[in-house]
């Protein structure tokens, strides 16, 4: 058996030294270069890689992983990981929403040493809400059935790089908690499908924390929703030149004209490692979520 270790960075030289030092040069061959540019002397039975970014697709390494399959994998060969699945659920969290809103308060100043800054307030707010929030979130902030997320599956043994350029999915949730919907909470799983068993690595909020954490996509204009209402929408993800994706999503309360939307740039993420106990459960309304609100 032969192992080809493809690595583009200078760490490849250190890997070669380790292989030689441990007497494995006849088994492991380190190939320095980008996987899209290197050549191997033969096809392989198995490709193992770690191509995932947060929300699975950030960094766009999946395209390189698929390129490796197209170039080097034998027919019926295995890929580890084999499939990936993204999950999306609506959430309510005043803390993270207020935190993002507060970042632009500086631009509310009408007299900053004689300068009126308020013309930049709206662009500043808009800019802050294009940031994906990467970190752990409390499952109690979810305001629909946790076991019924919208999902999108990518089969790494079949998908093409071209198909990864755009991703679309529709969603529909029945609200379980009267609250304010602040956006979508997201995570991903990957499956390693072997000949005898399947092993799943999950980055979900109920599983042990990984370095991918989870991700939240915020709405600059959140909406009030009541328990039993149905919300529908779409998510469109488009690959960009920042080695990431632009995510556009819309939300509509079925049976009403209430609609909101957001555009989030995954490459412009912020990291928010801590969450508080001030979840949607502490913001439950005894009456309609819209009672007392004015337009």
C-alpha atoms as a PDB file:
ATOM      1  CA  UNK A   1       0.000   0.000   0.000  1.00  0.00           C
ATOM      2  CA  UNK A   2       1.141   3.543  -0.772  1.00  0.00           C
ATOM      3  CA  UNK A   3       0.112   6.844   0.785  1.00  0.00           C
ATOM      4  CA  UNK A   4       0.431  10.107  -1.148  1.00  0.00           C
ATOM      5  CA  UNK A   5       0.348  13.099   1.214  1.00  0.00           C
ATOM      6  CA  UNK A   6      -0.395  16.219  -0.830  1.00  0.00           C
ATOM      7  CA  UNK A   7       0.429  19.517   0.918  1.00  0.00           C
ATOM      8  CA  UNK A   8       0.815  22.952  -0.677  1.00  0.00           C
ATOM      9  CA  UNK A   9       2.572  24.758   2.183  1.00  0.00           C
ATOM     10  CA  UNK A  10       6.176  24.526   3.406  1.00  0.00           C
ATOM     11  CA  UNK A  11       5.082  22.159   6.173  1.00  0.00           C
ATOM     12  CA  UNK A  12       5.452  19.513   3.463  1.00  0.00           C
ATOM     13  CA  UNK A  13       9.230  19.665   4.031  1.00  0.00           C
ATOM     14  CA  UNK A  14       8.754  18.932   7.737  1.00  0.00           C
ATOM     15  CA  UNK A  15       6.415  16.076   6.849  1.00  0.00           C
ATOM     16  CA  UNK A  16       9.078  14.590   4.590  1.00  0.00           C
ATOM     17  CA  UNK A  17      11.625  14.717   7.413  1.00  0.00           C
ATOM     18  CA  UNK A  18       9.206  12.979   9.779  1.00  0.00           C
ATOM     19  CA  UNK A  19       8.451  10.271   7.214  1.00  0.00           C
ATOM     20  CA  UNK A  20      12.154   9.645   6.603  1.00  0.00           C
ATOM     21  CA  UNK A  21      13.081   9.787  10.293  1.00  0.00           C
ATOM     22  CA  UNK A  22      10.504   7.119  11.082  1.00  0.00           C
ATOM     23  CA  UNK A  23      11.543   4.819   8.228  1.00  0.00           C
ATOM     24  CA  UNK A  24       8.314   5.185   6.259  1.00  0.00           C
ATOM     25  CA  UNK A  25       9.660   6.559   2.983  1.00  0.00           C
ATOM     26  CA  UNK A  26       8.711   3.377   1.130  1.00  0.00           C
ATOM     27  CA  UNK A  27       5.094   3.759   2.280  1.00  0.00           C
ATOM     28  CA  UNK A  28       4.412   7.513   2.495  1.00  0.00           C
ATOM     29  CA  UNK A  29       5.343   9.912  -0.305  1.00  0.00           C
ATOM     30  CA  UNK A  30       4.890  13.630   0.441  1.00  0.00           C
ATOM     31  CA  UNK A  31       3.900  15.595  -2.659  1.00  0.00           C
ATOM     32  CA  UNK A  32       4.330  19.341  -2.310  1.00  0.00           C
ATOM     33  CA  UNK A  33       1.895  21.457  -4.325  1.00  0.00           C
ATOM     34  CA  UNK A  34      -1.739  22.366  -4.783  1.00  0.00           C
ATOM     35  CA  UNK A  35      -3.988  19.385  -5.356  1.00  0.00           C
ATOM     36  CA  UNK A  36      -5.229  21.039  -8.545  1.00  0.00           C
ATOM     37  CA  UNK A  37      -1.688  21.177  -9.945  1.00  0.00           C
ATOM     38  CA  UNK A  38       0.161  18.065  -8.769  1.00  0.00           C
ATOM     39  CA  UNK A  39       0.344  14.732 -10.568  1.00  0.00           C
ATOM     40  CA  UNK A  40       0.306  11.287  -8.991  1.00  0.00           C
ATOM     41  CA  UNK A  41       1.689   8.148 -10.633  1.00  0.00           C
ATOM     42  CA  UNK A  42      -1.502   6.164 -10.007  1.00  0.00           C
ATOM     43  CA  UNK A  43      -5.136   6.339  -8.973  1.00  0.00           C
ATOM     44  CA  UNK A  44      -5.975   5.861  -5.304  1.00  0.00           C
ATOM     45  CA  UNK A  45      -8.508   3.785  -3.368  1.00  0.00           C
ATOM     46  CA  UNK A  46      -9.238   6.363  -0.668  1.00  0.00           C
ATOM     47  CA  UNK A  47      -9.021  10.148  -0.285  1.00  0.00           C
ATOM     48  CA  UNK A  48      -8.880  11.550   3.250  1.00  0.00           C
ATOM     49  CA  UNK A  49      -9.033  15.300   3.803  1.00  0.00           C
ATOM     50  CA  UNK A  50     -10.337  17.997   6.123  1.00  0.00           C
ATOM     51  CA  UNK A  51     -11.886  20.450   3.637  1.00  0.00           C
ATOM     52  CA  UNK A  52     -14.583  21.927   5.899  1.00  0.00           C
ATOM     53  CA  UNK A  53     -14.866  25.519   6.987  1.00  0.00           C
ATOM     54  CA  UNK A  54     -17.510  26.843   9.360  1.00  0.00           C
ATOM     55  CA  UNK A  55     -20.983  26.191   7.986  1.00  0.00           C
ATOM     56  CA  UNK A  56     -19.211  23.497   5.923  1.00  0.00           C
ATOM     57  CA  UNK A  57     -18.555  25.644   2.837  1.00  0.00           C
ATOM     58  CA  UNK A  58     -16.533  28.627   4.107  1.00  0.00           C
ATOM     59  CA  UNK A  59     -12.985  28.745   2.643  1.00  0.00           C
ATOM     60  CA  UNK A  60     -14.207  26.870  -0.459  1.00  0.00           C
ATOM     61  CA  UNK A  61     -11.876  23.936   0.125  1.00  0.00           C
ATOM     62  CA  UNK A  62     -14.640  21.544  -0.910  1.00  0.00           C
ATOM     63  CA  UNK A  63     -13.894  22.405  -4.527  1.00  0.00           C
ATOM     64  CA  UNK A  64     -10.279  21.248  -4.115  1.00  0.00           C
ATOM     65  CA  UNK A  65     -11.507  18.083  -2.405  1.00  0.00           C
ATOM     66  CA  UNK A  66     -13.843  17.326  -5.306  1.00  0.00           C
ATOM     67  CA  UNK A  67     -11.054  18.099  -7.789  1.00  0.00           C
ATOM     68  CA  UNK A  68      -8.911  15.477  -6.049  1.00  0.00           C
ATOM     69  CA  UNK A  69     -11.706  12.944  -6.505  1.00  0.00           C
ATOM     70  CA  UNK A  70     -12.063  13.740 -10.195  1.00  0.00           C
ATOM     71  CA  UNK A  71      -8.323  13.498 -10.787  1.00  0.00           C
ATOM     72  CA  UNK A  72      -7.091  10.717  -8.525  1.00  0.00           C
ATOM     73  CA  UNK A  73      -9.841   8.456  -7.147  1.00  0.00           C
ATOM     74  CA  UNK A  74     -10.421   4.997  -8.581  1.00  0.00           C
ATOM     75  CA  UNK A  75     -13.964   4.039  -9.606  1.00  0.00           C
ATOM     76  CA  UNK A  76     -15.882   3.009  -6.463  1.00  0.00           C
ATOM     77  CA  UNK A  77     -13.136   4.506  -4.283  1.00  0.00           C
ATOM     78  CA  UNK A  78     -13.971   5.986  -0.894  1.00  0.00           C
ATOM     79  CA  UNK A  79     -13.910   9.587   0.296  1.00  0.00           C
ATOM     80  CA  UNK A  80     -13.555  10.492   3.977  1.00  0.00           C
ATOM     81  CA  UNK A  81     -15.630  12.524   4.707  1.00  0.00           C
ATOM     82  CA  UNK A  82     -18.214  11.118   2.304  1.00  0.00           C
ATOM     83  CA  UNK A  83     -21.120  13.555   2.649  1.00  0.00           C
ATOM     84  CA  UNK A  84     -21.843  16.851   4.351  1.00  0.00           C
ATOM     85  CA  UNK A  85     -25.125  18.303   5.587  1.00  0.00           C
ATOM     86  CA  UNK A  86     -25.899  21.907   6.554  1.00  0.00           C
ATOM     87  CA  UNK A  87     -28.747  22.632   9.001  1.00  0.00           C
ATOM     88  CA  UNK A  88     -30.751  25.840   9.538  1.00  0.00           C
ATOM     89  CA  UNK A  89     -33.267  26.808  12.252  1.00  0.00           C
ATOM     90  CA  UNK A  90     -34.869  30.125  13.326  1.00  0.00           C
ATOM     91  CA  UNK A  91     -33.662  31.593  16.602  1.00  0.00           C
ATOM     92  CA  UNK A  92     -34.349  34.438  19.025  1.00  0.00           C
ATOM     93  CA  UNK A  93     -31.510  36.025  20.995  1.00  0.00           C
ATOM     94  CA  UNK A  94     -31.748  39.660  22.061  1.00  0.00           C
ATOM     95  CA  UNK A  95     -28.209  39.654  23.434  1.00  0.00           C
ATOM     96  CA  UNK A  96     -26.442  38.978  20.155  1.00  0.00           C
ATOM     97  CA  UNK A  97     -28.837  41.230  18.239  1.00  0.00           C
ATOM     98  CA  UNK A  98     -28.371  44.146  20.646  1.00  0.00           C
ATOM     99  CA  UNK A  99     -24.624  43.616  20.632  1.00  0.00           C
ATOM    100  CA  UNK A 100     -24.461  43.934  16.854  1.00  0.00           C
ATOM    101  CA  UNK A 101     -26.777  46.943  16.909  1.00  0.00           C
ATOM    102  CA  UNK A 102     -24.703  48.717  19.571  1.00  0.00           C
ATOM    103  CA  UNK A 103     -21.569  48.537  17.426  1.00  0.00           C
ATOM    104  CA  UNK A 104     -22.923  51.274  15.188  1.00  0.00           C
ATOM    105  CA  UNK A 105     -24.065  53.658  17.964  1.00  0.00           C
ATOM    106  CA  UNK A 106     -20.972  55.808  17.482  1.00  0.00           C
ATOM    107  CA  UNK A 107     -22.447  56.966  14.184  1.00  0.00           C
ATOM    108  CA  UNK A 108     -25.535  58.340  15.973  1.00  0.00           C
ATOM    109  CA  UNK A 109     -23.434  61.267  17.167  1.00  0.00           C
ATOM    110  CA  UNK A 110     -24.742  64.544  15.747  1.00  0.00           C
ATOM    111  CA  UNK A 111     -21.936  66.610  17.202  1.00  0.00           C
ATOM    112  CA  UNK A 112     -18.618  64.782  17.177  1.00  0.00           C
ATOM    113  CA  UNK A 113     -16.340  67.782  17.640  1.00  0.00           C
ATOM    114  CA  UNK A 114     -18.685  69.708  15.402  1.00  0.00           C
ATOM    115  CA  UNK A 115     -19.201  66.922  12.850  1.00  0.00           C
ATOM    116  CA  UNK A 116     -22.590  65.291  12.288  1.00  0.00           C
ATOM    117  CA  UNK A 117     -21.930  61.556  11.779  1.00  0.00           C
ATOM    118  CA  UNK A 118     -25.505  60.375  11.448  1.00  0.00           C
ATOM    119  CA  UNK A 119     -25.448  60.016   7.668  1.00  0.00           C
ATOM    120  CA  UNK A 120     -23.238  56.955   8.187  1.00  0.00           C
ATOM    121  CA  UNK A 121     -25.421  55.289  10.819  1.00  0.00           C
ATOM    122  CA  UNK A 122     -27.538  53.288   8.385  1.00  0.00           C
ATOM    123  CA  UNK A 123     -24.543  51.998   6.341  1.00  0.00           C
ATOM    124  CA  UNK A 124     -22.785  51.054   9.590  1.00  0.00           C
ATOM    125  CA  UNK A 125     -25.781  49.062  10.809  1.00  0.00           C
ATOM    126  CA  UNK A 126     -26.088  47.353   7.444  1.00  0.00           C
ATOM    127  CA  UNK A 127     -22.382  46.481   7.480  1.00  0.00           C
ATOM    128  CA  UNK A 128     -22.549  44.973  10.975  1.00  0.00           C
ATOM    129  CA  UNK A 129     -25.451  42.731  10.058  1.00  0.00           C
ATOM    130  CA  UNK A 130     -23.637  41.286   7.041  1.00  0.00           C
ATOM    131  CA  UNK A 131     -21.272  39.582   9.480  1.00  0.00           C
ATOM    132  CA  UNK A 132     -21.769  35.900  10.209  1.00  0.00           C
ATOM    133  CA  UNK A 133     -21.567  35.227  13.944  1.00  0.00           C
ATOM    134  CA  UNK A 134     -19.408  32.160  14.588  1.00  0.00           C
ATOM    135  CA  UNK A 135     -19.593  30.561  18.022  1.00  0.00           C
ATOM    136  CA  UNK A 136     -21.729  28.369  20.243  1.00  0.00           C
ATOM    137  CA  UNK A 137     -25.426  29.074  20.706  1.00  0.00           C
ATOM    138  CA  UNK A 138     -27.874  27.834  23.293  1.00  0.00           C
ATOM    139  CA  UNK A 139     -30.386  25.341  21.796  1.00  0.00           C
ATOM    140  CA  UNK A 140     -33.032  27.076  23.951  1.00  0.00           C
ATOM    141  CA  UNK A 141     -32.860  30.055  21.572  1.00  0.00           C
ATOM    142  CA  UNK A 142     -34.415  27.950  18.797  1.00  0.00           C
ATOM    143  CA  UNK A 143     -38.060  28.908  18.222  1.00  0.00           C
ATOM    144  CA  UNK A 144     -39.237  25.955  16.132  1.00  0.00           C
ATOM    145  CA  UNK A 145     -39.008  22.183  16.464  1.00  0.00           C
ATOM    146  CA  UNK A 146     -35.286  21.513  16.949  1.00  0.00           C
ATOM    147  CA  UNK A 147     -35.622  18.106  15.279  1.00  0.00           C
ATOM    148  CA  UNK A 148     -37.001  19.581  12.048  1.00  0.00           C
ATOM    149  CA  UNK A 149     -34.300  21.855  10.617  1.00  0.00           C
ATOM    150  CA  UNK A 150     -34.041  22.838   6.987  1.00  0.00           C
ATOM    151  CA  UNK A 151     -31.073  21.008   5.507  1.00  0.00           C
ATOM    152  CA  UNK A 152     -28.878  20.795   2.439  1.00  0.00           C
ATOM    153  CA  UNK A 153     -26.822  17.699   1.624  1.00  0.00           C
ATOM    154  CA  UNK A 154     -23.624  17.552  -0.420  1.00  0.00           C
ATOM    155  CA  UNK A 155     -22.458  14.146  -1.642  1.00  0.00           C
ATOM    156  CA  UNK A 156     -18.702  14.517  -2.128  1.00  0.00           C
ATOM    157  CA  UNK A 157     -18.605  11.408  -4.322  1.00  0.00           C
ATOM    158  CA  UNK A 158     -20.931  12.977  -6.898  1.00  0.00           C
ATOM    159  CA  UNK A 159     -20.952  16.780  -6.666  1.00  0.00           C
ATOM    160  CA  UNK A 160     -18.973  18.838  -9.204  1.00  0.00           C
ATOM    161  CA  UNK A 161     -17.028  22.055  -8.527  1.00  0.00           C
ATOM    162  CA  UNK A 162     -19.517  23.872 -10.744  1.00  0.00           C
ATOM    163  CA  UNK A 163     -22.459  22.701  -8.624  1.00  0.00           C
ATOM    164  CA  UNK A 164     -20.771  24.144  -5.536  1.00  0.00           C
ATOM    165  CA  UNK A 165     -20.856  27.664  -6.968  1.00  0.00           C
ATOM    166  CA  UNK A 166     -24.509  28.170  -5.993  1.00  0.00           C
ATOM    167  CA  UNK A 167     -26.617  26.540  -3.292  1.00  0.00           C
ATOM    168  CA  UNK A 168     -30.369  26.993  -2.897  1.00  0.00           C
ATOM    169  CA  UNK A 169     -32.858  25.648  -0.404  1.00  0.00           C
ATOM    170  CA  UNK A 170     -36.364  26.451   0.757  1.00  0.00           C
ATOM    171  CA  UNK A 171     -37.438  26.272   4.373  1.00  0.00           C
ATOM    172  CA  UNK A 172     -40.670  26.127   6.355  1.00  0.00           C
ATOM    173  CA  UNK A 173     -40.969  26.126  10.142  1.00  0.00           C
ATOM    174  CA  UNK A 174     -43.855  26.038  12.574  1.00  0.00           C
ATOM    175  CA  UNK A 175     -43.077  28.446  15.387  1.00  0.00           C
ATOM    176  CA  UNK A 176     -43.152  26.864  18.850  1.00  0.00           C
ATOM    177  CA  UNK A 177     -42.341  29.950  20.948  1.00  0.00           C
ATOM    178  CA  UNK A 178     -43.850  33.420  20.721  1.00  0.00           C
ATOM    179  CA  UNK A 179     -40.797  35.620  20.318  1.00  0.00           C
ATOM    180  CA  UNK A 180     -38.802  37.868  17.994  1.00  0.00           C
ATOM    181  CA  UNK A 181     -37.010  35.982  15.247  1.00  0.00           C
ATOM    182  CA  UNK A 182     -33.486  37.392  14.964  1.00  0.00           C
ATOM    183  CA  UNK A 183     -32.192  35.126  12.220  1.00  0.00           C
ATOM    184  CA  UNK A 184     -31.087  31.605  11.367  1.00  0.00           C
ATOM    185  CA  UNK A 185     -28.893  29.372  13.518  1.00  0.00           C
ATOM    186  CA  UNK A 186     -26.754  26.952  11.504  1.00  0.00           C
ATOM    187  CA  UNK A 187     -24.318  24.055  11.787  1.00  0.00           C
ATOM    188  CA  UNK A 188     -23.163  21.057   9.782  1.00  0.00           C
ATOM    189  CA  UNK A 189     -22.481  17.325  10.026  1.00  0.00           C
ATOM    190  CA  UNK A 190     -20.182  15.167   7.932  1.00  0.00           C
ATOM    191  CA  UNK A 191     -20.517  11.405   7.499  1.00  0.00           C
ATOM    192  CA  UNK A 192     -17.665   8.955   6.999  1.00  0.00           C
ATOM    193  CA  UNK A 193     -19.333   6.084   5.154  1.00  0.00           C
ATOM    194  CA  UNK A 194     -17.225   2.940   5.359  1.00  0.00           C
ATOM    195  CA  UNK A 195     -17.833  -0.598   4.223  1.00  0.00           C
ATOM    196  CA  UNK A 196     -18.939  -1.760   7.684  1.00  0.00           C
ATOM    197  CA  UNK A 197     -20.263   1.331   9.438  1.00  0.00           C
ATOM    198  CA  UNK A 198     -20.880   5.076   9.168  1.00  0.00           C
ATOM    199  CA  UNK A 199     -19.343   7.552  11.588  1.00  0.00           C
ATOM    200  CA  UNK A 200     -20.793  11.055  11.933  1.00  0.00           C
ATOM    201  CA  UNK A 201     -18.943  14.162  13.030  1.00  0.00           C
ATOM    202  CA  UNK A 202     -21.486  16.758  14.151  1.00  0.00           C
ATOM    203  CA  UNK A 203     -20.863  20.426  14.928  1.00  0.00           C
ATOM    204  CA  UNK A 204     -24.382  20.879  16.297  1.00  0.00           C
ATOM    205  CA  UNK A 205     -25.181  22.792  19.511  1.00  0.00           C
ATOM    206  CA  UNK A 206     -26.131  19.647  21.425  1.00  0.00           C
ATOM    207  CA  UNK A 207     -22.852  17.895  20.617  1.00  0.00           C
ATOM    208  CA  UNK A 208     -19.340  18.412  22.030  1.00  0.00           C
ATOM    209  CA  UNK A 209     -17.910  21.710  20.807  1.00  0.00           C
ATOM    210  CA  UNK A 210     -15.578  21.598  17.808  1.00  0.00           C
ATOM    211  CA  UNK A 211     -13.300  24.289  16.397  1.00  0.00           C
ATOM    212  CA  UNK A 212     -15.948  24.916  13.719  1.00  0.00           C
ATOM    213  CA  UNK A 213     -18.474  25.925  16.415  1.00  0.00           C
ATOM    214  CA  UNK A 214     -21.852  26.926  14.951  1.00  0.00           C
ATOM    215  CA  UNK A 215     -22.953  29.945  12.943  1.00  0.00           C
ATOM    216  CA  UNK A 216     -25.750  32.506  13.137  1.00  0.00           C
ATOM    217  CA  UNK A 217     -27.049  34.629  10.291  1.00  0.00           C
ATOM    218  CA  UNK A 218     -28.737  37.751  11.634  1.00  0.00           C
ATOM    219  CA  UNK A 219     -31.694  39.717  10.337  1.00  0.00           C
ATOM    220  CA  UNK A 220     -31.146  43.501  10.440  1.00  0.00           C
ATOM    221  CA  UNK A 221     -34.932  43.830  10.740  1.00  0.00           C
ATOM    222  CA  UNK A 222     -36.155  40.959  12.943  1.00  0.00           C
ATOM    223  CA  UNK A 223     -39.800  39.969  12.965  1.00  0.00           C
ATOM    224  CA  UNK A 224     -42.270  39.124  15.733  1.00  0.00           C
ATOM    225  CA  UNK A 225     -43.723  35.631  15.458  1.00  0.00           C
ATOM    226  CA  UNK A 226     -46.390  33.864  17.461  1.00  0.00           C
ATOM    227  CA  UNK A 227     -46.458  30.220  18.458  1.00  0.00           C
ATOM    228  CA  UNK A 228     -48.207  28.052  15.802  1.00  0.00           C
ATOM    229  CA  UNK A 229     -47.489  30.545  13.008  1.00  0.00           C
ATOM    230  CA  UNK A 230     -45.706  29.172   9.946  1.00  0.00           C
ATOM    231  CA  UNK A 231     -42.697  30.928   8.471  1.00  0.00           C
ATOM    232  CA  UNK A 232     -41.323  30.207   5.027  1.00  0.00           C
ATOM    233  CA  UNK A 233     -38.346  31.429   3.111  1.00  0.00           C
ATOM    234  CA  UNK A 234     -35.396  30.739   0.889  1.00  0.00           C
ATOM    235  CA  UNK A 235     -31.635  30.588   1.322  1.00  0.00           C
ATOM    236  CA  UNK A 236     -29.331  31.315  -1.601  1.00  0.00           C
ATOM    237  CA  UNK A 237     -25.588  30.909  -1.244  1.00  0.00           C
ATOM    238  CA  UNK A 238     -23.184  32.075  -3.935  1.00  0.00           C
ATOM    239  CA  UNK A 239     -19.433  31.470  -4.039  1.00  0.00           C
ATOM    240  CA  UNK A 240     -17.385  34.684  -4.036  1.00  0.00           C
ATOM    241  CA  UNK A 241     -13.786  35.712  -4.717  1.00  0.00           C
ATOM    242  CA  UNK A 242     -13.024  35.844  -0.977  1.00  0.00           C
ATOM    243  CA  UNK A 243     -12.868  32.029  -0.794  1.00  0.00           C
ATOM    244  CA  UNK A 244     -16.269  32.006   0.841  1.00  0.00           C
ATOM    245  CA  UNK A 245     -19.964  32.573   0.155  1.00  0.00           C
ATOM    246  CA  UNK A 246     -22.496  35.388   0.125  1.00  0.00           C
ATOM    247  CA  UNK A 247     -25.713  34.204   1.767  1.00  0.00           C
ATOM    248  CA  UNK A 248     -29.050  35.841   0.945  1.00  0.00           C
ATOM    249  CA  UNK A 249     -32.126  34.685   2.793  1.00  0.00           C
ATOM    250  CA  UNK A 250     -35.725  35.826   3.052  1.00  0.00           C
ATOM    251  CA  UNK A 251     -38.361  35.122   5.708  1.00  0.00           C
ATOM    252  CA  UNK A 252     -42.122  35.457   5.353  1.00  0.00           C
ATOM    253  CA  UNK A 253     -44.899  34.786   7.878  1.00  0.00           C
ATOM    254  CA  UNK A 254     -47.428  32.680   6.002  1.00  0.00           C
ATOM    255  CA  UNK A 255     -50.834  34.343   5.667  1.00  0.00           C
ATOM    256  CA  UNK A 256     -49.433  37.855   6.207  1.00  0.00           C
ATOM    257  CA  UNK A 257     -47.543  40.506   4.285  1.00  0.00           C
ATOM    258  CA  UNK A 258     -44.755  40.476   6.869  1.00  0.00           C
ATOM    259  CA  UNK A 259     -41.444  39.794   5.189  1.00  0.00           C
ATOM    260  CA  UNK A 260     -37.793  40.439   5.968  1.00  0.00           C
ATOM    261  CA  UNK A 261     -34.460  39.548   4.417  1.00  0.00           C
ATOM    262  CA  UNK A 262     -30.728  39.630   4.960  1.00  0.00           C
ATOM    263  CA  UNK A 263     -27.435  39.342   3.107  1.00  0.00           C
ATOM    264  CA  UNK A 264     -24.546  37.802   5.059  1.00  0.00           C
ATOM    265  CA  UNK A 265     -20.936  37.512   3.888  1.00  0.00           C
ATOM    266  CA  UNK A 266     -19.401  34.427   5.446  1.00  0.00           C
ATOM    267  CA  UNK A 267     -15.861  35.728   4.887  1.00  0.00           C
ATOM    268  CA  UNK A 268     -16.627  38.755   7.078  1.00  0.00           C
ATOM    269  CA  UNK A 269     -17.337  36.660  10.166  1.00  0.00           C
ATOM    270  CA  UNK A 270     -16.989  37.603  13.811  1.00  0.00           C
ATOM    271  CA  UNK A 271     -16.252  35.125  16.575  1.00  0.00           C
ATOM    272  CA  UNK A 272     -18.573  35.017  19.562  1.00  0.00           C
ATOM    273  CA  UNK A 273     -17.493  32.123  21.738  1.00  0.00           C
ATOM    274  CA  UNK A 274     -19.744  32.689  24.734  1.00  0.00           C
ATOM    275  CA  UNK A 275     -23.509  32.669  25.039  1.00  0.00           C
ATOM    276  CA  UNK A 276     -25.684  33.774  27.931  1.00  0.00           C
ATOM    277  CA  UNK A 277     -28.717  32.173  29.512  1.00  0.00           C
ATOM    278  CA  UNK A 278     -30.854  35.032  28.203  1.00  0.00           C
ATOM    279  CA  UNK A 279     -32.393  32.858  25.519  1.00  0.00           C
ATOM    280  CA  UNK A 280     -35.739  32.868  23.792  1.00  0.00           C
ATOM    281  CA  UNK A 281     -37.238  31.076  26.794  1.00  0.00           C
ATOM    282  CA  UNK A 282     -36.713  34.201  28.923  1.00  0.00           C
ATOM    283  CA  UNK A 283     -38.396  36.331  26.306  1.00  0.00           C
ATOM    284  CA  UNK A 284     -41.598  34.346  25.971  1.00  0.00           C
ATOM    285  CA  UNK A 285     -44.680  36.514  25.732  1.00  0.00           C
ATOM    286  CA  UNK A 286     -47.918  35.610  27.437  1.00  0.00           C
ATOM    287  CA  UNK A 287     -49.785  37.408  24.676  1.00  0.00           C
ATOM    288  CA  UNK A 288     -49.145  38.147  21.027  1.00  0.00           C
ATOM    289  CA  UNK A 289     -45.540  39.049  20.227  1.00  0.00           C
ATOM    290  CA  UNK A 290     -46.817  42.027  18.273  1.00  0.00           C
ATOM    291  CA  UNK A 291     -48.980  43.420  21.065  1.00  0.00           C
ATOM    292  CA  UNK A 292     -47.864  46.918  21.933  1.00  0.00           C
ATOM    293  CA  UNK A 293     -45.680  47.200  18.838  1.00  0.00           C
ATOM    294  CA  UNK A 294     -46.256  49.989  16.387  1.00  0.00           C
ATOM    295  CA  UNK A 295     -45.188  50.317  12.780  1.00  0.00           C
END
